[in-house]
C-alpha atoms as a PDB file:
ATOM      1  CA  UNK A   1     124.780 104.521  94.468  1.00  0.00           C
ATOM      2  CA  UNK A   2     121.510 105.958  93.021  1.00  0.00           C
ATOM      3  CA  UNK A   3     121.051 109.983  92.480  1.00  0.00           C
ATOM      4  CA  UNK A   4     117.821 110.909  94.466  1.00  0.00           C
ATOM      5  CA  UNK A   5     116.852 113.066  91.566  1.00  0.00           C
ATOM      6  CA  UNK A   6     115.873 109.589  90.168  1.00  0.00           C
ATOM      7  CA  UNK A   7     113.392 108.966  92.982  1.00  0.00           C
ATOM      8  CA  UNK A   8     109.807 110.466  93.443  1.00  0.00           C
ATOM      9  CA  UNK A   9     106.958 109.570  95.705  1.00  0.00           C
ATOM     10  CA  UNK A  10     104.717 106.857  94.006  1.00  0.00           C
ATOM     11  CA  UNK A  11     107.271 104.829  92.569  1.00  0.00           C
ATOM     12  CA  UNK A  12     107.025 100.929  93.538  1.00  0.00           C
ATOM     13  CA  UNK A  13     109.628  99.172  95.341  1.00  0.00           C
ATOM     14  CA  UNK A  14     111.246  95.863  94.773  1.00  0.00           C
ATOM     15  CA  UNK A  15     113.316  93.098  96.180  1.00  0.00           C
ATOM     16  CA  UNK A  16     115.924  91.307  94.259  1.00  0.00           C
ATOM     17  CA  UNK A  17     113.409  88.242  94.143  1.00  0.00           C
ATOM     18  CA  UNK A  18     110.684  90.425  92.668  1.00  0.00           C
ATOM     19  CA  UNK A  19     108.567  90.814  95.913  1.00  0.00           C
ATOM     20  CA  UNK A  20     107.008  94.172  96.168  1.00  0.00           C
ATOM     21  CA  UNK A  21     108.018  95.752  99.304  1.00  0.00           C
ATOM     22  CA  UNK A  22     105.912  99.147  99.140  1.00  0.00           C
ATOM     23  CA  UNK A  23     105.852 102.604  97.603  1.00  0.00           C
ATOM     24  CA  UNK A  24     108.320 105.532  98.003  1.00  0.00           C
ATOM     25  CA  UNK A  25     106.495 108.202  99.899  1.00  0.00           C
ATOM     26  CA  UNK A  26     109.450 110.757 100.518  1.00  0.00           C
ATOM     27  CA  UNK A  27     112.828 111.174  99.457  1.00  0.00           C
ATOM     28  CA  UNK A  28     115.471 113.157 101.661  1.00  0.00           C
ATOM     29  CA  UNK A  29     119.143 113.826 101.198  1.00  0.00           C
ATOM     30  CA  UNK A  30     120.453 110.477 102.130  1.00  0.00           C
ATOM     31  CA  UNK A  31     117.410 108.266 102.392  1.00  0.00           C
ATOM     32  CA  UNK A  32     114.104 107.201 101.052  1.00  0.00           C
ATOM     33  CA  UNK A  33     110.555 106.338 102.955  1.00  0.00           C
ATOM     34  CA  UNK A  34     109.205 103.038 101.904  1.00  0.00           C
ATOM     35  CA  UNK A  35     105.223 102.750 103.043  1.00  0.00           C
ATOM     36  CA  UNK A  36     104.325  99.188 103.331  1.00  0.00           C
ATOM     37  CA  UNK A  37     101.104  97.584 104.143  1.00  0.00           C
ATOM     38  CA  UNK A  38      97.268  99.000 104.098  1.00  0.00           C
ATOM     39  CA  UNK A  39      95.075 101.072 106.219  1.00  0.00           C
ATOM     40  CA  UNK A  40      95.661 100.684 109.745  1.00  0.00           C
ATOM     41  CA  UNK A  41      98.649  98.529 109.239  1.00  0.00           C
ATOM     42  CA  UNK A  42     100.817 101.281 106.970  1.00  0.00           C
ATOM     43  CA  UNK A  43     104.488 100.964 108.260  1.00  0.00           C
ATOM     44  CA  UNK A  44     107.335 103.184 106.900  1.00  0.00           C
ATOM     45  CA  UNK A  45     110.872 102.753 107.011  1.00  0.00           C
ATOM     46  CA  UNK A  46     113.858 104.727 105.991  1.00  0.00           C
ATOM     47  CA  UNK A  47     115.840 102.940 103.504  1.00  0.00           C
ATOM     48  CA  UNK A  48     119.428 104.458 102.744  1.00  0.00           C
ATOM     49  CA  UNK A  49     119.997 105.378  99.062  1.00  0.00           C
ATOM     50  CA  UNK A  50     122.849 103.017  98.933  1.00  0.00           C
ATOM     51  CA  UNK A  51     120.385 100.169  99.163  1.00  0.00           C
ATOM     52  CA  UNK A  52     118.994 100.788  95.529  1.00  0.00           C
ATOM     53  CA  UNK A  53     120.444  98.664  92.848  1.00  0.00           C
ATOM     54  CA  UNK A  54     118.805 100.520  89.671  1.00  0.00           C
ATOM     55  CA  UNK A  55     115.931 102.230  88.621  1.00  0.00           C
ATOM     56  CA  UNK A  56     113.693 101.559  85.921  1.00  0.00           C
ATOM     57  CA  UNK A  57     110.876 103.880  84.854  1.00  0.00           C
ATOM     58  CA  UNK A  58     108.871 104.106  87.896  1.00  0.00           C
ATOM     59  CA  UNK A  59     110.294 101.290  89.584  1.00  0.00           C
ATOM     60  CA  UNK A  60     112.869 100.939  92.667  1.00  0.00           C
ATOM     61  CA  UNK A  61     114.971  97.761  92.673  1.00  0.00           C
ATOM     62  CA  UNK A  62     116.843  96.573  96.080  1.00  0.00           C
ATOM     63  CA  UNK A  63     120.202  95.137  96.812  1.00  0.00           C
ATOM     64  CA  UNK A  64     118.702  93.224  99.423  1.00  0.00           C
ATOM     65  CA  UNK A  65     115.204  91.340 100.583  1.00  0.00           C
ATOM     66  CA  UNK A  66     112.725  92.326 103.146  1.00  0.00           C
ATOM     67  CA  UNK A  67     114.360  90.274 105.993  1.00  0.00           C
ATOM     68  CA  UNK A  68     117.587  91.998 106.319  1.00  0.00           C
ATOM     69  CA  UNK A  69     116.481  95.288 104.749  1.00  0.00           C
ATOM     70  CA  UNK A  70     113.497  95.813 107.007  1.00  0.00           C
ATOM     71  CA  UNK A  71     115.548  94.710 110.074  1.00  0.00           C
ATOM     72  CA  UNK A  72     118.135  97.482 109.683  1.00  0.00           C
ATOM     73  CA  UNK A  73     116.423 100.458 108.755  1.00  0.00           C
ATOM     74  CA  UNK A  74     114.509 102.751 111.215  1.00  0.00           C
ATOM     75  CA  UNK A  75     110.601 102.584 111.240  1.00  0.00           C
ATOM     76  CA  UNK A  76     109.341 106.094 110.600  1.00  0.00           C
ATOM     77  CA  UNK A  77     106.269 107.028 112.937  1.00  0.00           C
ATOM     78  CA  UNK A  78     103.144 107.589 110.594  1.00  0.00           C
ATOM     79  CA  UNK A  79     102.672 111.280 112.262  1.00  0.00           C
ATOM     80  CA  UNK A  80     106.012 112.540 110.586  1.00  0.00           C
ATOM     81  CA  UNK A  81     105.611 111.578 107.006  1.00  0.00           C
ATOM     82  CA  UNK A  82     103.625 111.972 104.084  1.00  0.00           C
ATOM     83  CA  UNK A  83     101.098 109.538 102.991  1.00  0.00           C
ATOM     84  CA  UNK A  84     100.294 109.047  99.347  1.00  0.00           C
ATOM     85  CA  UNK A  85      98.790 105.711  98.982  1.00  0.00           C
END
């Protein structure tokens, strides 16, 4: 599992197939919030730190793709998170 100190807001998040999932907007002790979409279609998802395969420079690579990943993590309401993108 990745150490939370390796993650920070603004990092791009990628699936194993090279698809850009979104950006890290917040990091907590157990998970990080990935925001995907633009403008009014923005959504944030809590992703467990254990889903991180590796961190390379300012990019986060996950173990699973968006289908399995986004069906499990809980969606974060827009008013309860910070938006940086």
